[in-house]
PDB file of N, CA and C in Angstrom:
ATOM      1  N   UNK A   1     120.853 235.205 199.367  1.00  0.00           N
ATOM      2  CA  UNK A   1     121.020 233.628 199.457  1.00  0.00           C
ATOM      3  C   UNK A   1     119.651 233.619 200.154  1.00  0.00           C
ATOM      4  N   UNK A   2     118.697 232.506 199.573  1.00  0.00           N
ATOM      5  CA  UNK A   2     117.156 232.671 200.467  1.00  0.00           C
ATOM      6  C   UNK A   2     117.335 231.062 200.758  1.00  0.00           C
ATOM      7  N   UNK A   3     116.837 231.006 201.913  1.00  0.00           N
ATOM      8  CA  UNK A   3     117.002 229.409 202.519  1.00  0.00           C
ATOM      9  C   UNK A   3     115.718 228.879 202.631  1.00  0.00           C
ATOM     10  N   UNK A   4     115.155 227.660 202.331  1.00  0.00           N
ATOM     11  CA  UNK A   4     113.976 227.464 202.623  1.00  0.00           C
ATOM     12  C   UNK A   4     113.899 226.155 203.293  1.00  0.00           C
ATOM     13  N   UNK A   5     112.772 226.358 204.495  1.00  0.00           N
ATOM     14  CA  UNK A   5     112.583 225.442 205.295  1.00  0.00           C
ATOM     15  C   UNK A   5     112.102 224.034 204.602  1.00  0.00           C
ATOM     16  N   UNK A   6     112.798 222.596 205.104  1.00  0.00           N
ATOM     17  CA  UNK A   6     112.423 221.408 204.539  1.00  0.00           C
ATOM     18  C   UNK A   6     111.569 220.853 205.090  1.00  0.00           C
ATOM     19  N   UNK A   7     110.266 220.519 203.950  1.00  0.00           N
ATOM     20  CA  UNK A   7     109.148 220.048 204.398  1.00  0.00           C
ATOM     21  C   UNK A   7     108.592 218.762 204.248  1.00  0.00           C
ATOM     22  N   UNK A   8     108.774 217.817 205.248  1.00  0.00           N
ATOM     23  CA  UNK A   8     108.425 216.564 205.079  1.00  0.00           C
ATOM     24  C   UNK A   8     107.068 215.574 204.342  1.00  0.00           C
ATOM     25  N   UNK A   9     107.868 214.586 203.844  1.00  0.00           N
ATOM     26  CA  UNK A   9     106.654 214.143 202.996  1.00  0.00           C
ATOM     27  C   UNK A   9     105.767 213.203 203.741  1.00  0.00           C
ATOM     28  N   UNK A  10     104.510 213.249 203.694  1.00  0.00           N
ATOM     29  CA  UNK A  10     103.858 212.064 204.226  1.00  0.00           C
ATOM     30  C   UNK A  10     102.717 211.180 203.564  1.00  0.00           C
ATOM     31  N   UNK A  11     102.432 209.896 203.779  1.00  0.00           N
ATOM     32  CA  UNK A  11     101.670 208.791 203.247  1.00  0.00           C
ATOM     33  C   UNK A  11     100.664 208.689 203.883  1.00  0.00           C
ATOM     34  N   UNK A  12      99.579 208.651 203.870  1.00  0.00           N
ATOM     35  CA  UNK A  12      98.610 207.545 203.933  1.00  0.00           C
ATOM     36  C   UNK A  12      97.793 206.855 203.355  1.00  0.00           C
ATOM     37  N   UNK A  13      97.593 205.563 203.627  1.00  0.00           N
ATOM     38  CA  UNK A  13      96.754 204.632 203.205  1.00  0.00           C
ATOM     39  C   UNK A  13      95.765 204.344 204.458  1.00  0.00           C
ATOM     40  N   UNK A  14      94.568 204.119 203.454  1.00  0.00           N
ATOM     41  CA  UNK A  14      93.589 203.502 203.879  1.00  0.00           C
ATOM     42  C   UNK A  14      92.067 202.709 203.176  1.00  0.00           C
ATOM     43  N   UNK A  15      91.712 202.039 203.610  1.00  0.00           N
ATOM     44  CA  UNK A  15      90.553 201.175 202.540  1.00  0.00           C
ATOM     45  C   UNK A  15      88.975 201.279 202.931  1.00  0.00           C
ATOM     46  N   UNK A  16      88.490 201.201 202.211  1.00  0.00           N
ATOM     47  CA  UNK A  16      87.008 201.633 201.652  1.00  0.00           C
ATOM     48  C   UNK A  16      86.065 200.427 201.504  1.00  0.00           C
ATOM     49  N   UNK A  17      85.148 200.044 202.592  1.00  0.00           N
ATOM     50  CA  UNK A  17      84.277 199.054 202.514  1.00  0.00           C
ATOM     51  C   UNK A  17      83.022 198.786 202.060  1.00  0.00           C
ATOM     52  N   UNK A  18      82.427 198.510 201.053  1.00  0.00           N
ATOM     53  CA  UNK A  18      81.136 198.765 200.690  1.00  0.00           C
ATOM     54  C   UNK A  18      80.520 197.553 200.438  1.00  0.00           C
ATOM     55  N   UNK A  19      79.671 196.735 201.503  1.00  0.00           N
ATOM     56  CA  UNK A  19      79.596 195.413 201.360  1.00  0.00           C
ATOM     57  C   UNK A  19      78.321 195.141 200.424  1.00  0.00           C
ATOM     58  N   UNK A  20      77.168 196.113 199.930  1.00  0.00           N
ATOM     59  CA  UNK A  20      76.342 196.469 199.710  1.00  0.00           C
ATOM     60  C   UNK A  20      75.858 197.138 198.248  1.00  0.00           C
ATOM     61  N   UNK A  21      76.797 196.531 197.154  1.00  0.00           N
ATOM     62  CA  UNK A  21      77.487 197.377 196.003  1.00  0.00           C
ATOM     63  C   UNK A  21      75.853 197.729 194.818  1.00  0.00           C
ATOM     64  N   UNK A  22      74.595 197.116 195.178  1.00  0.00           N
ATOM     65  CA  UNK A  22      73.598 197.773 194.312  1.00  0.00           C
ATOM     66  C   UNK A  22      73.335 199.040 195.055  1.00  0.00           C
ATOM     67  N   UNK A  23      74.110 199.699 195.659  1.00  0.00           N
ATOM     68  CA  UNK A  23      73.945 200.964 196.186  1.00  0.00           C
ATOM     69  C   UNK A  23      75.273 202.019 196.080  1.00  0.00           C
ATOM     70  N   UNK A  24      74.512 203.386 196.069  1.00  0.00           N
ATOM     71  CA  UNK A  24      75.668 204.366 195.651  1.00  0.00           C
ATOM     72  C   UNK A  24      76.102 204.649 196.857  1.00  0.00           C
ATOM     73  N   UNK A  25      77.212 204.502 196.994  1.00  0.00           N
ATOM     74  CA  UNK A  25      78.007 205.670 197.977  1.00  0.00           C
ATOM     75  C   UNK A  25      78.667 206.665 198.091  1.00  0.00           C
ATOM     76  N   UNK A  26      78.630 207.358 198.505  1.00  0.00           N
ATOM     77  CA  UNK A  26      79.312 208.973 198.801  1.00  0.00           C
ATOM     78  C   UNK A  26      80.211 209.026 199.819  1.00  0.00           C
ATOM     79  N   UNK A  27      81.499 209.331 199.200  1.00  0.00           N
ATOM     80  CA  UNK A  27      82.663 210.107 200.298  1.00  0.00           C
ATOM     81  C   UNK A  27      83.079 211.218 200.184  1.00  0.00           C
ATOM     82  N   UNK A  28      83.780 211.582 201.489  1.00  0.00           N
ATOM     83  CA  UNK A  28      83.956 213.067 201.455  1.00  0.00           C
ATOM     84  C   UNK A  28      85.370 212.616 202.191  1.00  0.00           C
ATOM     85  N   UNK A  29      86.384 213.830 201.888  1.00  0.00           N
ATOM     86  CA  UNK A  29      87.515 214.099 202.163  1.00  0.00           C
ATOM     87  C   UNK A  29      87.880 215.430 202.808  1.00  0.00           C
ATOM     88  N   UNK A  30      88.230 215.214 204.104  1.00  0.00           N
ATOM     89  CA  UNK A  30      88.355 216.676 204.848  1.00  0.00           C
ATOM     90  C   UNK A  30      90.468 216.529 204.600  1.00  0.00           C
ATOM     91  N   UNK A  31      90.334 217.977 204.326  1.00  0.00           N
ATOM     92  CA  UNK A  31      91.897 218.418 204.566  1.00  0.00           C
ATOM     93  C   UNK A  31      92.089 219.538 205.215  1.00  0.00           C
ATOM     94  N   UNK A  32      92.144 219.298 206.657  1.00  0.00           N
ATOM     95  CA  UNK A  32      92.500 220.494 207.375  1.00  0.00           C
ATOM     96  C   UNK A  32      93.850 220.935 207.558  1.00  0.00           C
ATOM     97  N   UNK A  33      94.093 222.130 207.405  1.00  0.00           N
ATOM     98  CA  UNK A  33      95.703 222.808 207.632  1.00  0.00           C
ATOM     99  C   UNK A  33      96.227 221.834 206.642  1.00  0.00           C
ATOM    100  N   UNK A  34      95.871 221.627 205.539  1.00  0.00           N
ATOM    101  CA  UNK A  34      96.825 221.329 204.820  1.00  0.00           C
ATOM    102  C   UNK A  34      97.394 222.214 203.540  1.00  0.00           C
ATOM    103  N   UNK A  35      98.597 221.985 203.096  1.00  0.00           N
ATOM    104  CA  UNK A  35      99.005 223.095 202.291  1.00  0.00           C
ATOM    105  C   UNK A  35      98.877 222.447 201.033  1.00  0.00           C
ATOM    106  N   UNK A  36      99.873 220.888 200.550  1.00  0.00           N
ATOM    107  CA  UNK A  36      99.516 220.482 199.422  1.00  0.00           C
ATOM    108  C   UNK A  36      98.733 219.015 199.615  1.00  0.00           C
ATOM    109  N   UNK A  37      97.903 218.805 198.800  1.00  0.00           N
ATOM    110  CA  UNK A  37      97.969 217.504 198.627  1.00  0.00           C
ATOM    111  C   UNK A  37      97.594 216.672 197.424  1.00  0.00           C
ATOM    112  N   UNK A  38      97.913 215.682 197.132  1.00  0.00           N
ATOM    113  CA  UNK A  38      97.319 215.154 195.925  1.00  0.00           C
ATOM    114  C   UNK A  38      96.635 213.523 196.560  1.00  0.00           C
ATOM    115  N   UNK A  39      95.269 213.259 195.645  1.00  0.00           N
ATOM    116  CA  UNK A  39      94.690 212.291 196.251  1.00  0.00           C
ATOM    117  C   UNK A  39      94.204 211.305 195.076  1.00  0.00           C
ATOM    118  N   UNK A  40      94.579 210.552 195.439  1.00  0.00           N
ATOM    119  CA  UNK A  40      94.716 209.311 194.206  1.00  0.00           C
ATOM    120  C   UNK A  40      93.878 207.834 195.648  1.00  0.00           C
ATOM    121  N   UNK A  41      92.964 207.114 194.768  1.00  0.00           N
ATOM    122  CA  UNK A  41      91.960 206.408 194.692  1.00  0.00           C
ATOM    123  C   UNK A  41      92.043 205.269 193.896  1.00  0.00           C
ATOM    124  N   UNK A  42      92.500 204.096 194.393  1.00  0.00           N
ATOM    125  CA  UNK A  42      92.212 202.811 193.932  1.00  0.00           C
ATOM    126  C   UNK A  42      93.154 203.200 192.727  1.00  0.00           C
ATOM    127  N   UNK A  43      94.276 203.679 192.623  1.00  0.00           N
ATOM    128  CA  UNK A  43      95.050 203.879 191.525  1.00  0.00           C
ATOM    129  C   UNK A  43      94.916 204.751 190.527  1.00  0.00           C
ATOM    130  N   UNK A  44      93.568 205.562 191.135  1.00  0.00           N
ATOM    131  CA  UNK A  44      93.254 206.625 189.970  1.00  0.00           C
ATOM    132  C   UNK A  44      93.421 207.706 190.577  1.00  0.00           C
ATOM    133  N   UNK A  45      93.760 209.234 189.921  1.00  0.00           N
ATOM    134  CA  UNK A  45      94.230 210.236 190.411  1.00  0.00           C
ATOM    135  C   UNK A  45      93.066 211.260 190.044  1.00  0.00           C
ATOM    136  N   UNK A  46      92.473 211.180 191.471  1.00  0.00           N
ATOM    137  CA  UNK A  46      91.187 212.615 191.498  1.00  0.00           C
ATOM    138  C   UNK A  46      91.560 213.775 191.431  1.00  0.00           C
ATOM    139  N   UNK A  47      92.773 213.718 191.971  1.00  0.00           N
ATOM    140  CA  UNK A  47      93.292 215.725 191.845  1.00  0.00           C
ATOM    141  C   UNK A  47      93.882 216.267 192.956  1.00  0.00           C
ATOM    142  N   UNK A  48      94.021 217.476 192.861  1.00  0.00           N
ATOM    143  CA  UNK A  48      95.559 217.902 193.519  1.00  0.00           C
ATOM    144  C   UNK A  48      94.761 219.302 194.442  1.00  0.00           C
ATOM    145  N   UNK A  49      95.227 219.495 195.891  1.00  0.00           N
ATOM    146  CA  UNK A  49      94.260 220.466 196.837  1.00  0.00           C
ATOM    147  C   UNK A  49      95.974 221.460 197.003  1.00  0.00           C
ATOM    148  N   UNK A  50      95.851 222.826 196.761  1.00  0.00           N
ATOM    149  CA  UNK A  50      96.811 223.640 197.019  1.00  0.00           C
ATOM    150  C   UNK A  50      96.160 225.203 197.377  1.00  0.00           C
ATOM    151  N   UNK A  51      96.538 225.739 198.658  1.00  0.00           N
ATOM    152  CA  UNK A  51      96.345 226.728 199.308  1.00  0.00           C
ATOM    153  C   UNK A  51      96.615 227.986 198.216  1.00  0.00           C
ATOM    154  N   UNK A  52      97.470 227.947 197.524  1.00  0.00           N
ATOM    155  CA  UNK A  52      98.150 229.067 196.737  1.00  0.00           C
ATOM    156  C   UNK A  52      97.151 228.772 195.474  1.00  0.00           C
ATOM    157  N   UNK A  53      96.701 230.201 194.905  1.00  0.00           N
ATOM    158  CA  UNK A  53      96.008 230.389 193.834  1.00  0.00           C
ATOM    159  C   UNK A  53      97.226 230.262 192.665  1.00  0.00           C
ATOM    160  N   UNK A  54      96.131 230.459 191.222  1.00  0.00           N
ATOM    161  CA  UNK A  54      96.915 230.676 190.371  1.00  0.00           C
ATOM    162  C   UNK A  54      97.431 231.851 190.112  1.00  0.00           C
TER     163      UNK A  54
END
């Protein structure tokens, strides 16, 4: 019998402010030490990060 350790689920919520909407803005996301992440911004799915390859 294989017993796996339970993994906690964490939710993070943050906001972005760009008061000068006429200028383009860049955003960088750092995922240090993460194993799996799913990224959503403003209800739009941007992608996922997983340390395991295909």
